[in-house]
Amino acid sequence: MRLVSRNEPHSVFCRNANSIPNQGILINTLSLQEAKDSSAIENIITTQDDLYRSDSRARQFVTVAAKEVHSYATALNERFEQVKKSGLLTERQILEIQSTIEGNSAGFRKLPGTALKNDATREVIYTPPQSYEEIKPLMANLEKFINDETLYDWDSLTKMAIIYHQFESIHPFYDGNGRTGRIINILYLVKQDLLKIPILYLSRYINQTKSTYYQLLQSTRETKDWEAWILYILQGVEQTSRETIESIEAIKGLMQSQKQLIRTDLPKIYSQDLLNNLFRHPYTKIEFVMNELGVSRLTATRYLDELVRIGLLDKQKMGRDNYYINVALYDLLGNVYQK
């Protein structure tokens, strides 16, 4: 089987991502959308409102589900920085990803009894390796496959599809395997320099094709025929890359229009830092503006109230906090999620 490289959409993707003045904005907003969808595959369901009202830095979460989604985004972003610096994606980092997602240090499975079952019938579909003695060498082998470029002269996207399948089949953890595997996908593309920032939104594609995803995972295990699985993942990467480019362009256009509005109507308070804050936090707060702009509470409140006055933000009291909602951005991200 010969597979054509599909790296070209990623080069366009990188150019578009680089055109945003502060790439941390994309990491904060789009990686949270990826975290939301990846968690939804595991039936961890939350709302956009609950996500944006939660504050991962302060460890304040509206719901348990919102906490889990933010933990996923934290695991992705922290390990992204490590992989970007080291150029490696190691077993230790994979353990750290799962630990951050699950909030424990259980490590690889040590007790037998893990089996993957049909949710409806409870029939056992697949039994992964059962003992630590089996799992540990398999993960060491996978680590070598990920990092040793001399082993196989394969296209990076093809290797990513194989790595993903192998990890999910080893199923090394008691919990968090699916989410950890999807973070590995993104970080591997970062390692291979196909992504500059970790915002590929592959989980949406998997959510949209969930029955095919599970069917191909299992049929590949049974038949050892990789073609259908690899082509499925390649199609997902290509589709997701193009959709993410559209999302980046939409965010870029909205930033430009809101920048112009603030500079025209409120020139005395305009700054790039203020604009960045409004896009980093679709639900911003006085404290966020104080911390990120280095201004007093009185000044931060005045800035936000002025933005409400010109119709750029919507002020809502939720619980004990006032939130200032960038409605246009909120709607844009909601449309991204619903595509």
C-alpha atoms as a PDB file:
ATOM      1  CA  MET A   1       0.000   0.000   0.000  1.00  0.00           C
ATOM      2  CA  ARG A   2       1.363   3.424  -0.965  1.00  0.00           C
ATOM      3  CA  LEU A   3       0.113   6.444   0.934  1.00  0.00           C
ATOM      4  CA  VAL A   4       0.490   9.986  -0.345  1.00  0.00           C
ATOM      5  CA  SER A   5       1.803  12.511   2.166  1.00  0.00           C
ATOM      6  CA  ARG A   6      -0.784  15.048   3.261  1.00  0.00           C
ATOM      7  CA  ASN A   7       1.540  17.552   4.871  1.00  0.00           C
ATOM      8  CA  GLU A   8       0.511  20.431   2.591  1.00  0.00           C
ATOM      9  CA  PRO A   9      -2.632  21.427   4.559  1.00  0.00           C
ATOM     10  CA  HIS A  10      -0.429  21.715   7.634  1.00  0.00           C
ATOM     11  CA  SER A  11       1.916  24.200   6.006  1.00  0.00           C
ATOM     12  CA  VAL A  12      -1.074  26.406   5.219  1.00  0.00           C
ATOM     13  CA  PHE A  13      -2.375  25.775   8.737  1.00  0.00           C
ATOM     14  CA  CYS A  14       0.920  26.960  10.279  1.00  0.00           C
ATOM     15  CA  ARG A  15       1.010  30.110   8.167  1.00  0.00           C
ATOM     16  CA  ASN A  16      -2.517  31.018   9.283  1.00  0.00           C
ATOM     17  CA  ALA A  17      -1.767  30.304  12.941  1.00  0.00           C
ATOM     18  CA  ASN A  18       1.376  32.442  12.758  1.00  0.00           C
ATOM     19  CA  SER A  19      -0.698  35.401  11.527  1.00  0.00           C
ATOM     20  CA  ILE A  20      -2.447  35.782  14.909  1.00  0.00           C
ATOM     21  CA  PRO A  21      -0.551  38.418  16.961  1.00  0.00           C
ATOM     22  CA  ASN A  22      -0.611  36.342  20.157  1.00  0.00           C
ATOM     23  CA  GLN A  23      -0.685  32.592  19.539  1.00  0.00           C
ATOM     24  CA  GLY A  24      -1.534  31.998  23.194  1.00  0.00           C
ATOM     25  CA  ILE A  25      -5.034  33.155  22.274  1.00  0.00           C
ATOM     26  CA  LEU A  26      -5.460  30.240  19.873  1.00  0.00           C
ATOM     27  CA  ILE A  27      -3.953  27.793  22.351  1.00  0.00           C
ATOM     28  CA  ASN A  28      -6.318  28.974  25.064  1.00  0.00           C
ATOM     29  CA  THR A  29      -9.512  29.015  22.997  1.00  0.00           C
ATOM     30  CA  LEU A  30      -9.157  26.268  20.395  1.00  0.00           C
ATOM     31  CA  SER A  31      -7.343  23.744  22.608  1.00  0.00           C
ATOM     32  CA  LEU A  32     -10.224  24.102  25.063  1.00  0.00           C
ATOM     33  CA  GLN A  33     -12.617  23.209  22.237  1.00  0.00           C
ATOM     34  CA  GLU A  34     -10.480  20.145  21.427  1.00  0.00           C
ATOM     35  CA  ALA A  35     -10.535  19.204  25.122  1.00  0.00           C
ATOM     36  CA  LYS A  36     -14.331  19.549  25.185  1.00  0.00           C
ATOM     37  CA  ASP A  37     -14.811  17.266  22.189  1.00  0.00           C
ATOM     38  CA  SER A  38     -12.206  14.714  23.260  1.00  0.00           C
ATOM     39  CA  SER A  39     -13.872  14.457  26.663  1.00  0.00           C
ATOM     40  CA  ALA A  40     -17.297  14.125  25.024  1.00  0.00           C
ATOM     41  CA  ILE A  41     -16.092  10.958  23.250  1.00  0.00           C
ATOM     42  CA  GLU A  42     -15.760   9.501  26.764  1.00  0.00           C
ATOM     43  CA  ASN A  43     -19.248  10.809  27.720  1.00  0.00           C
ATOM     44  CA  ILE A  44     -17.849  13.682  29.782  1.00  0.00           C
ATOM     45  CA  ILE A  45     -20.260  16.385  28.715  1.00  0.00           C
ATOM     46  CA  THR A  46     -20.092  20.060  29.609  1.00  0.00           C
ATOM     47  CA  THR A  47     -21.327  23.346  28.177  1.00  0.00           C
ATOM     48  CA  GLN A  48     -19.481  26.320  26.748  1.00  0.00           C
ATOM     49  CA  ASP A  49     -20.855  28.451  29.599  1.00  0.00           C
ATOM     50  CA  ASP A  50     -19.484  26.119  32.277  1.00  0.00           C
ATOM     51  CA  LEU A  51     -16.100  25.982  30.567  1.00  0.00           C
ATOM     52  CA  TYR A  52     -15.667  29.739  30.292  1.00  0.00           C
ATOM     53  CA  ARG A  53     -16.987  30.418  33.798  1.00  0.00           C
ATOM     54  CA  SER A  54     -14.372  28.042  35.205  1.00  0.00           C
ATOM     55  CA  ASP A  55     -10.879  29.267  36.000  1.00  0.00           C
ATOM     56  CA  SER A  56      -8.185  26.589  35.755  1.00  0.00           C
ATOM     57  CA  ARG A  57      -5.468  28.858  37.168  1.00  0.00           C
ATOM     58  CA  ALA A  58      -7.461  29.502  40.330  1.00  0.00           C
ATOM     59  CA  ARG A  59      -8.666  25.866  40.373  1.00  0.00           C
ATOM     60  CA  GLN A  60     -12.286  27.052  40.421  1.00  0.00           C
ATOM     61  CA  PHE A  61     -14.649  24.926  38.349  1.00  0.00           C
ATOM     62  CA  VAL A  62     -18.401  25.210  37.874  1.00  0.00           C
ATOM     63  CA  THR A  63     -18.898  21.443  37.405  1.00  0.00           C
ATOM     64  CA  VAL A  64     -16.885  18.238  37.672  1.00  0.00           C
ATOM     65  CA  ALA A  65     -17.130  17.830  33.892  1.00  0.00           C
ATOM     66  CA  ALA A  66     -15.741  21.336  33.328  1.00  0.00           C
ATOM     67  CA  LYS A  67     -12.861  20.470  35.664  1.00  0.00           C
ATOM     68  CA  GLU A  68     -12.066  17.345  33.617  1.00  0.00           C
ATOM     69  CA  VAL A  69     -12.104  19.287  30.352  1.00  0.00           C
ATOM     70  CA  HIS A  70      -9.803  21.962  31.776  1.00  0.00           C
ATOM     71  CA  SER A  71      -7.490  19.220  33.100  1.00  0.00           C
ATOM     72  CA  TYR A  72      -7.268  17.822  29.562  1.00  0.00           C
ATOM     73  CA  ALA A  73      -6.397  21.250  28.154  1.00  0.00           C
ATOM     74  CA  THR A  74      -3.780  21.723  30.893  1.00  0.00           C
ATOM     75  CA  ALA A  75      -2.204  18.341  30.133  1.00  0.00           C
ATOM     76  CA  LEU A  76      -2.060  19.177  26.435  1.00  0.00           C
ATOM     77  CA  ASN A  77      -0.590  22.643  26.856  1.00  0.00           C
ATOM     78  CA  GLU A  78       1.986  21.740  29.510  1.00  0.00           C
ATOM     79  CA  ARG A  79       3.326  18.767  27.563  1.00  0.00           C
ATOM     80  CA  PHE A  80       3.281  20.830  24.358  1.00  0.00           C
ATOM     81  CA  GLU A  81       5.883  23.130  25.894  1.00  0.00           C
ATOM     82  CA  GLN A  82       8.036  20.127  26.856  1.00  0.00           C
ATOM     83  CA  VAL A  83       7.851  18.472  23.436  1.00  0.00           C
ATOM     84  CA  LYS A  84       8.543  21.766  21.660  1.00  0.00           C
ATOM     85  CA  LYS A  85      11.718  22.245  23.693  1.00  0.00           C
ATOM     86  CA  SER A  86      13.026  18.678  23.717  1.00  0.00           C
ATOM     87  CA  GLY A  87      11.846  17.340  20.365  1.00  0.00           C
ATOM     88  CA  LEU A  88      10.929  14.105  22.157  1.00  0.00           C
ATOM     89  CA  LEU A  89       7.679  12.475  23.253  1.00  0.00           C
ATOM     90  CA  THR A  90       8.583  10.053  26.014  1.00  0.00           C
ATOM     91  CA  GLU A  91       6.935   7.422  28.175  1.00  0.00           C
ATOM     92  CA  ARG A  92       7.389   9.717  31.184  1.00  0.00           C
ATOM     93  CA  GLN A  93       5.501  12.509  29.416  1.00  0.00           C
ATOM     94  CA  ILE A  94       2.689  10.100  28.534  1.00  0.00           C
ATOM     95  CA  LEU A  95       2.453   9.131  32.206  1.00  0.00           C
ATOM     96  CA  GLU A  96       2.327  12.839  33.120  1.00  0.00           C
ATOM     97  CA  ILE A  97      -0.452  13.481  30.592  1.00  0.00           C
ATOM     98  CA  GLN A  98      -2.643  10.768  32.101  1.00  0.00           C
ATOM     99  CA  SER A  99      -1.811  11.878  35.631  1.00  0.00           C
ATOM    100  CA  THR A 100      -2.898  15.450  34.876  1.00  0.00           C
ATOM    101  CA  ILE A 101      -6.109  14.296  33.180  1.00  0.00           C
ATOM    102  CA  GLU A 102      -7.104  11.943  35.974  1.00  0.00           C
ATOM    103  CA  GLY A 103      -5.618  13.826  38.920  1.00  0.00           C
ATOM    104  CA  ASN A 104      -3.775  10.779  40.270  1.00  0.00           C
ATOM    105  CA  SER A 105      -0.479   8.937  39.942  1.00  0.00           C
ATOM    106  CA  ALA A 106      -1.781   5.406  39.392  1.00  0.00           C
ATOM    107  CA  GLY A 107       0.552   4.862  36.438  1.00  0.00           C
ATOM    108  CA  PHE A 108       0.330   1.785  34.230  1.00  0.00           C
ATOM    109  CA  ARG A 109      -2.215  -0.869  35.114  1.00  0.00           C
ATOM    110  CA  LYS A 110      -0.954  -3.459  37.613  1.00  0.00           C
ATOM    111  CA  LEU A 111      -4.097  -5.504  38.276  1.00  0.00           C
ATOM    112  CA  PRO A 112      -5.799  -7.821  35.740  1.00  0.00           C
ATOM    113  CA  GLY A 113      -9.466  -7.571  34.785  1.00  0.00           C
ATOM    114  CA  THR A 114      -9.561  -4.710  32.263  1.00  0.00           C
ATOM    115  CA  ALA A 115     -11.791  -5.410  29.253  1.00  0.00           C
ATOM    116  CA  LEU A 116     -13.440  -3.119  26.692  1.00  0.00           C
ATOM    117  CA  LYS A 117     -17.166  -3.759  26.439  1.00  0.00           C
ATOM    118  CA  ASN A 118     -20.057  -2.774  24.211  1.00  0.00           C
ATOM    119  CA  ASP A 119     -21.920  -0.030  26.080  1.00  0.00           C
ATOM    120  CA  ALA A 120     -25.328  -1.429  25.108  1.00  0.00           C
ATOM    121  CA  THR A 121     -24.839  -5.211  25.373  1.00  0.00           C
ATOM    122  CA  ARG A 122     -21.915  -5.297  27.860  1.00  0.00           C
ATOM    123  CA  GLU A 123     -20.300  -7.885  25.593  1.00  0.00           C
ATOM    124  CA  VAL A 124     -16.494  -7.958  25.788  1.00  0.00           C
ATOM    125  CA  ILE A 125     -15.150  -6.583  22.515  1.00  0.00           C
ATOM    126  CA  TYR A 126     -11.450  -6.512  23.273  1.00  0.00           C
ATOM    127  CA  THR A 127      -9.165  -7.627  26.078  1.00  0.00           C
ATOM    128  CA  PRO A 128      -5.943  -5.566  26.222  1.00  0.00           C
ATOM    129  CA  PRO A 129      -2.678  -6.762  27.807  1.00  0.00           C
ATOM    130  CA  GLN A 130      -3.468  -7.552  31.428  1.00  0.00           C
ATOM    131  CA  SER A 131      -0.303  -7.292  33.487  1.00  0.00           C
ATOM    132  CA  TYR A 132       2.247  -4.598  34.200  1.00  0.00           C
ATOM    133  CA  GLU A 133       4.905  -7.039  32.963  1.00  0.00           C
ATOM    134  CA  GLU A 134       3.195  -7.059  29.549  1.00  0.00           C
ATOM    135  CA  ILE A 135       2.346  -3.346  29.412  1.00  0.00           C
ATOM    136  CA  LYS A 136       5.752  -1.943  30.384  1.00  0.00           C
ATOM    137  CA  PRO A 137       7.782  -3.432  27.477  1.00  0.00           C
ATOM    138  CA  LEU A 138       5.009  -2.610  25.004  1.00  0.00           C
ATOM    139  CA  MET A 139       5.100   1.042  26.078  1.00  0.00           C
ATOM    140  CA  ALA A 140       8.896   1.077  25.910  1.00  0.00           C
ATOM    141  CA  ASN A 141       8.649  -0.252  22.365  1.00  0.00           C
ATOM    142  CA  LEU A 142       6.064   2.403  21.486  1.00  0.00           C
ATOM    143  CA  GLU A 143       8.314   5.137  22.916  1.00  0.00           C
ATOM    144  CA  LYS A 144      11.132   3.937  20.654  1.00  0.00           C
ATOM    145  CA  PHE A 145       8.807   3.848  17.636  1.00  0.00           C
ATOM    146  CA  ILE A 146       7.705   7.427  18.356  1.00  0.00           C
ATOM    147  CA  ASN A 147      11.202   8.876  18.746  1.00  0.00           C
ATOM    148  CA  ASP A 148      13.609   6.791  16.648  1.00  0.00           C
ATOM    149  CA  GLU A 149      13.402   8.143  13.103  1.00  0.00           C
ATOM    150  CA  THR A 150      15.784   5.455  11.810  1.00  0.00           C
ATOM    151  CA  LEU A 151      13.359   2.579  12.392  1.00  0.00           C
ATOM    152  CA  TYR A 152      10.932   3.230   9.539  1.00  0.00           C
ATOM    153  CA  ASP A 153      11.002   5.672   6.657  1.00  0.00           C
ATOM    154  CA  TRP A 154       7.267   6.375   6.828  1.00  0.00           C
ATOM    155  CA  ASP A 155       5.222   9.525   6.401  1.00  0.00           C
ATOM    156  CA  SER A 156       4.677  11.208   9.783  1.00  0.00           C
ATOM    157  CA  LEU A 157       0.887  11.161   9.481  1.00  0.00           C
ATOM    158  CA  THR A 158       0.940   7.440   8.742  1.00  0.00           C
ATOM    159  CA  LYS A 159       3.110   6.904  11.808  1.00  0.00           C
ATOM    160  CA  MET A 160       0.730   8.995  13.910  1.00  0.00           C
ATOM    161  CA  ALA A 161      -2.188   6.760  12.903  1.00  0.00           C
ATOM    162  CA  ILE A 162      -0.213   3.655  13.876  1.00  0.00           C
ATOM    163  CA  ILE A 163       0.963   5.164  17.168  1.00  0.00           C
ATOM    164  CA  TYR A 164      -2.613   6.089  18.052  1.00  0.00           C
ATOM    165  CA  HIS A 165      -3.916   2.587  17.333  1.00  0.00           C
ATOM    166  CA  GLN A 166      -1.080   0.893  19.193  1.00  0.00           C
ATOM    167  CA  PHE A 167      -1.531   3.071  22.257  1.00  0.00           C
ATOM    168  CA  GLU A 168      -5.281   2.481  22.374  1.00  0.00           C
ATOM    169  CA  SER A 169      -4.713  -1.278  21.967  1.00  0.00           C
ATOM    170  CA  ILE A 170      -2.133  -1.417  24.759  1.00  0.00           C
ATOM    171  CA  HIS A 171      -4.666   0.554  26.846  1.00  0.00           C
ATOM    172  CA  PRO A 172      -2.030   1.015  29.567  1.00  0.00           C
ATOM    173  CA  PHE A 173      -4.053   2.955  32.145  1.00  0.00           C
ATOM    174  CA  TYR A 174      -7.079   2.199  34.273  1.00  0.00           C
ATOM    175  CA  ASP A 175      -8.722   5.422  33.057  1.00  0.00           C
ATOM    176  CA  GLY A 176      -7.996   8.226  30.604  1.00  0.00           C
ATOM    177  CA  ASN A 177      -6.602   6.126  27.741  1.00  0.00           C
ATOM    178  CA  GLY A 178      -8.720   7.681  24.986  1.00  0.00           C
ATOM    179  CA  ARG A 179      -8.014  11.254  26.007  1.00  0.00           C
ATOM    180  CA  THR A 180      -4.306  10.550  26.546  1.00  0.00           C
ATOM    181  CA  GLY A 181      -4.094   8.948  23.101  1.00  0.00           C
ATOM    182  CA  ARG A 182      -5.639  11.961  21.409  1.00  0.00           C
ATOM    183  CA  ILE A 183      -3.169  14.285  23.143  1.00  0.00           C
ATOM    184  CA  ILE A 184      -0.342  12.023  21.933  1.00  0.00           C
ATOM    185  CA  ASN A 185      -1.631  12.533  18.368  1.00  0.00           C
ATOM    186  CA  ILE A 186      -1.277  16.301  18.610  1.00  0.00           C
ATOM    187  CA  LEU A 187       2.068  16.209  20.388  1.00  0.00           C
ATOM    188  CA  TYR A 188       3.506  13.791  17.844  1.00  0.00           C
ATOM    189  CA  LEU A 189       2.644  16.233  15.057  1.00  0.00           C
ATOM    190  CA  VAL A 190       4.301  19.004  17.096  1.00  0.00           C
ATOM    191  CA  LYS A 191       7.374  16.786  17.513  1.00  0.00           C
ATOM    192  CA  GLN A 192       7.457  16.214  13.758  1.00  0.00           C
ATOM    193  CA  ASP A 193       7.157  19.967  13.137  1.00  0.00           C
ATOM    194  CA  LEU A 194       3.794  19.606  11.390  1.00  0.00           C
ATOM    195  CA  LEU A 195       2.088  21.703  14.068  1.00  0.00           C
ATOM    196  CA  LYS A 196       3.576  24.862  15.562  1.00  0.00           C
ATOM    197  CA  ILE A 197       0.889  25.159  18.215  1.00  0.00           C
ATOM    198  CA  PRO A 198      -1.365  22.387  19.630  1.00  0.00           C
ATOM    199  CA  ILE A 199      -4.701  23.288  18.094  1.00  0.00           C
ATOM    200  CA  LEU A 200      -5.540  20.498  15.641  1.00  0.00           C
ATOM    201  CA  TYR A 201      -9.180  19.745  16.348  1.00  0.00           C
ATOM    202  CA  LEU A 202      -9.233  16.004  15.538  1.00  0.00           C
ATOM    203  CA  SER A 203     -11.653  14.984  18.291  1.00  0.00           C
ATOM    204  CA  ARG A 204     -14.540  16.706  16.511  1.00  0.00           C
ATOM    205  CA  TYR A 205     -14.009  14.420  13.508  1.00  0.00           C
ATOM    206  CA  ILE A 206     -13.913  11.340  15.748  1.00  0.00           C
ATOM    207  CA  ASN A 207     -17.108  12.466  17.492  1.00  0.00           C
ATOM    208  CA  GLN A 208     -18.821  12.881  14.143  1.00  0.00           C
ATOM    209  CA  THR A 209     -17.739   9.401  13.005  1.00  0.00           C
ATOM    210  CA  LYS A 210     -17.723   7.586  16.337  1.00  0.00           C
ATOM    211  CA  SER A 211     -19.207   4.281  15.123  1.00  0.00           C
ATOM    212  CA  THR A 212     -16.664   4.085  12.280  1.00  0.00           C
ATOM    213  CA  TYR A 213     -13.865   4.959  14.699  1.00  0.00           C
ATOM    214  CA  TYR A 214     -14.654   2.103  17.086  1.00  0.00           C
ATOM    215  CA  GLN A 215     -15.360  -0.343  14.270  1.00  0.00           C
ATOM    216  CA  LEU A 216     -12.011   0.357  12.594  1.00  0.00           C
ATOM    217  CA  LEU A 217     -10.098   0.207  15.881  1.00  0.00           C
ATOM    218  CA  GLN A 218     -11.361  -3.319  16.453  1.00  0.00           C
ATOM    219  CA  SER A 219     -11.303  -4.605  12.878  1.00  0.00           C
ATOM    220  CA  THR A 220      -7.657  -3.557  12.555  1.00  0.00           C
ATOM    221  CA  ARG A 221      -6.838  -5.555  15.686  1.00  0.00           C
ATOM    222  CA  GLU A 222      -8.608  -8.597  14.302  1.00  0.00           C
ATOM    223  CA  THR A 223      -7.487  -8.525  10.665  1.00  0.00           C
ATOM    224  CA  LYS A 224      -4.077  -6.778  10.962  1.00  0.00           C
ATOM    225  CA  ASP A 225      -5.082  -4.857   7.825  1.00  0.00           C
ATOM    226  CA  TRP A 226      -4.053  -1.265   8.485  1.00  0.00           C
ATOM    227  CA  GLU A 227      -5.191   0.433   5.298  1.00  0.00           C
ATOM    228  CA  ALA A 228      -8.753   1.394   6.284  1.00  0.00           C
ATOM    229  CA  TRP A 229      -7.657   2.711   9.703  1.00  0.00           C
ATOM    230  CA  ILE A 230      -4.781   4.768   8.310  1.00  0.00           C
ATOM    231  CA  LEU A 231      -6.924   6.270   5.566  1.00  0.00           C
ATOM    232  CA  TYR A 232      -9.627   7.105   8.134  1.00  0.00           C
ATOM    233  CA  ILE A 233      -7.107   9.010  10.273  1.00  0.00           C
ATOM    234  CA  LEU A 234      -5.553  10.744   7.261  1.00  0.00           C
ATOM    235  CA  GLN A 235      -8.971  11.892   6.124  1.00  0.00           C
ATOM    236  CA  GLY A 236      -9.659  13.193   9.630  1.00  0.00           C
ATOM    237  CA  VAL A 237      -6.395  15.139   9.756  1.00  0.00           C
ATOM    238  CA  GLU A 238      -7.012  16.681   6.342  1.00  0.00           C
ATOM    239  CA  GLN A 239     -10.630  17.615   7.091  1.00  0.00           C
ATOM    240  CA  THR A 240      -9.758  18.912  10.536  1.00  0.00           C
ATOM    241  CA  SER A 241      -6.819  20.974   9.229  1.00  0.00           C
ATOM    242  CA  ARG A 242      -9.022  22.760   6.722  1.00  0.00           C
ATOM    243  CA  GLU A 243     -11.755  23.405   9.302  1.00  0.00           C
ATOM    244  CA  THR A 244      -9.205  24.724  11.786  1.00  0.00           C
ATOM    245  CA  ILE A 245      -7.770  27.072   9.150  1.00  0.00           C
ATOM    246  CA  GLU A 246     -11.306  28.435   8.660  1.00  0.00           C
ATOM    247  CA  SER A 247     -11.661  28.902  12.420  1.00  0.00           C
ATOM    248  CA  ILE A 248      -8.315  30.721  12.658  1.00  0.00           C
ATOM    249  CA  GLU A 249      -9.299  33.023   9.786  1.00  0.00           C
ATOM    250  CA  ALA A 250     -12.647  33.748  11.467  1.00  0.00           C
ATOM    251  CA  ILE A 251     -10.941  34.577  14.790  1.00  0.00           C
ATOM    252  CA  LYS A 252      -8.393  36.729  12.997  1.00  0.00           C
ATOM    253  CA  GLY A 253     -11.155  38.647  11.183  1.00  0.00           C
ATOM    254  CA  LEU A 254     -13.124  39.150  14.388  1.00  0.00           C
ATOM    255  CA  MET A 255     -10.033  40.388  16.210  1.00  0.00           C
ATOM    256  CA  GLN A 256      -9.394  42.916  13.466  1.00  0.00           C
ATOM    257  CA  SER A 257     -12.958  44.239  13.497  1.00  0.00           C
ATOM    258  CA  GLN A 258     -13.060  44.527  17.294  1.00  0.00           C
ATOM    259  CA  LYS A 259      -9.642  46.165  17.298  1.00  0.00           C
ATOM    260  CA  GLN A 260     -10.936  48.781  14.882  1.00  0.00           C
ATOM    261  CA  LEU A 261     -14.072  49.342  16.966  1.00  0.00           C
ATOM    262  CA  ILE A 262     -12.106  49.924  20.184  1.00  0.00           C
ATOM    263  CA  ARG A 263      -9.546  52.171  18.491  1.00  0.00           C
ATOM    264  CA  THR A 264     -12.328  54.262  16.937  1.00  0.00           C
ATOM    265  CA  ASP A 265     -14.763  54.485  19.844  1.00  0.00           C
ATOM    266  CA  LEU A 266     -12.429  54.133  22.841  1.00  0.00           C
ATOM    267  CA  PRO A 267      -8.951  55.240  21.706  1.00  0.00           C
ATOM    268  CA  LYS A 268      -7.869  56.181  25.228  1.00  0.00           C
ATOM    269  CA  ILE A 269      -8.280  52.653  26.575  1.00  0.00           C
ATOM    270  CA  TYR A 270      -7.200  50.675  23.502  1.00  0.00           C
ATOM    271  CA  SER A 271      -4.200  48.376  23.807  1.00  0.00           C
ATOM    272  CA  GLN A 272      -3.205  45.109  22.168  1.00  0.00           C
ATOM    273  CA  ASP A 273      -3.081  43.562  25.635  1.00  0.00           C
ATOM    274  CA  LEU A 274      -6.708  44.483  26.252  1.00  0.00           C
ATOM    275  CA  LEU A 275      -7.763  43.027  22.907  1.00  0.00           C
ATOM    276  CA  ASN A 276      -5.790  39.856  23.631  1.00  0.00           C
ATOM    277  CA  ASN A 277      -7.574  39.514  26.967  1.00  0.00           C
ATOM    278  CA  LEU A 278     -10.977  39.620  25.277  1.00  0.00           C
ATOM    279  CA  PHE A 279      -9.973  36.755  22.974  1.00  0.00           C
ATOM    280  CA  ARG A 280      -8.079  34.710  25.531  1.00  0.00           C
ATOM    281  CA  HIS A 281     -11.148  34.733  27.792  1.00  0.00           C
ATOM    282  CA  PRO A 282     -14.524  34.659  26.000  1.00  0.00           C
ATOM    283  CA  TYR A 283     -15.903  35.230  29.514  1.00  0.00           C
ATOM    284  CA  THR A 284     -13.474  37.728  30.984  1.00  0.00           C
ATOM    285  CA  LYS A 285     -13.518  39.155  34.509  1.00  0.00           C
ATOM    286  CA  ILE A 286     -12.176  42.197  36.278  1.00  0.00           C
ATOM    287  CA  GLU A 287      -9.459  40.050  37.864  1.00  0.00           C
ATOM    288  CA  PHE A 288      -8.296  38.762  34.481  1.00  0.00           C
ATOM    289  CA  VAL A 289      -7.882  42.304  33.148  1.00  0.00           C
ATOM    290  CA  MET A 290      -6.106  43.427  36.327  1.00  0.00           C
ATOM    291  CA  ASN A 291      -3.615  40.552  36.167  1.00  0.00           C
ATOM    292  CA  GLU A 292      -2.938  40.608  32.420  1.00  0.00           C
ATOM    293  CA  LEU A 293      -2.795  44.375  31.915  1.00  0.00           C
ATOM    294  CA  GLY A 294      -1.226  45.237  35.273  1.00  0.00           C
ATOM    295  CA  VAL A 295      -3.911  47.817  36.134  1.00  0.00           C
ATOM    296  CA  SER A 296      -5.922  48.592  39.245  1.00  0.00           C
ATOM    297  CA  ARG A 297      -9.357  47.147  39.927  1.00  0.00           C
ATOM    298  CA  LEU A 298     -10.930  50.548  39.318  1.00  0.00           C
ATOM    299  CA  THR A 299      -9.216  50.878  35.925  1.00  0.00           C
ATOM    300  CA  ALA A 300     -10.063  47.308  34.879  1.00  0.00           C
ATOM    301  CA  THR A 301     -13.710  47.852  35.810  1.00  0.00           C
ATOM    302  CA  ARG A 302     -13.817  51.100  33.833  1.00  0.00           C
ATOM    303  CA  TYR A 303     -12.315  49.433  30.763  1.00  0.00           C
ATOM    304  CA  LEU A 304     -14.838  46.610  30.806  1.00  0.00           C
ATOM    305  CA  ASP A 305     -17.828  48.842  31.468  1.00  0.00           C
ATOM    306  CA  GLU A 306     -16.810  51.065  28.546  1.00  0.00           C
ATOM    307  CA  LEU A 307     -16.644  47.992  26.288  1.00  0.00           C
ATOM    308  CA  VAL A 308     -20.138  47.062  27.450  1.00  0.00           C
ATOM    309  CA  ARG A 309     -21.336  50.588  26.669  1.00  0.00           C
ATOM    310  CA  ILE A 310     -20.247  50.362  23.023  1.00  0.00           C
ATOM    311  CA  GLY A 311     -21.838  46.920  22.666  1.00  0.00           C
ATOM    312  CA  LEU A 312     -18.675  44.875  22.348  1.00  0.00           C
ATOM    313  CA  LEU A 313     -19.191  42.974  25.622  1.00  0.00           C
ATOM    314  CA  ASP A 314     -22.267  41.757  27.479  1.00  0.00           C
ATOM    315  CA  LYS A 315     -22.123  42.003  31.284  1.00  0.00           C
ATOM    316  CA  GLN A 316     -23.793  39.178  33.219  1.00  0.00           C
ATOM    317  CA  LYS A 317     -23.800  38.376  36.918  1.00  0.00           C
ATOM    318  CA  MET A 318     -23.429  34.645  37.574  1.00  0.00           C
ATOM    319  CA  GLY A 319     -23.280  33.641  41.198  1.00  0.00           C
ATOM    320  CA  ARG A 320     -21.070  36.152  42.964  1.00  0.00           C
ATOM    321  CA  ASP A 321     -19.062  37.110  39.889  1.00  0.00           C
ATOM    322  CA  ASN A 322     -19.602  39.558  37.061  1.00  0.00           C
ATOM    323  CA  TYR A 323     -18.624  38.126  33.668  1.00  0.00           C
ATOM    324  CA  TYR A 324     -18.022  40.241  30.598  1.00  0.00           C
ATOM    325  CA  ILE A 325     -18.875  38.097  27.584  1.00  0.00           C
ATOM    326  CA  ASN A 326     -17.385  38.601  24.154  1.00  0.00           C
ATOM    327  CA  VAL A 327     -20.628  37.510  22.502  1.00  0.00           C
ATOM    328  CA  ALA A 328     -19.305  37.522  18.939  1.00  0.00           C
ATOM    329  CA  LEU A 329     -16.372  35.294  19.916  1.00  0.00           C
ATOM    330  CA  TYR A 330     -18.619  33.043  21.995  1.00  0.00           C
ATOM    331  CA  ASP A 331     -20.952  32.594  19.013  1.00  0.00           C
ATOM    332  CA  LEU A 332     -18.028  31.971  16.675  1.00  0.00           C
ATOM    333  CA  LEU A 333     -16.591  29.241  18.919  1.00  0.00           C
ATOM    334  CA  GLY A 334     -20.044  27.743  19.337  1.00  0.00           C
ATOM    335  CA  ASN A 335     -20.325  27.478  15.555  1.00  0.00           C
ATOM    336  CA  VAL A 336     -16.892  25.821  15.445  1.00  0.00           C
ATOM    337  CA  TYR A 337     -18.135  23.206  17.882  1.00  0.00           C
ATOM    338  CA  GLN A 338     -21.380  22.569  15.994  1.00  0.00           C
ATOM    339  CA  LYS A 339     -19.828  22.128  12.515  1.00  0.00           C
END
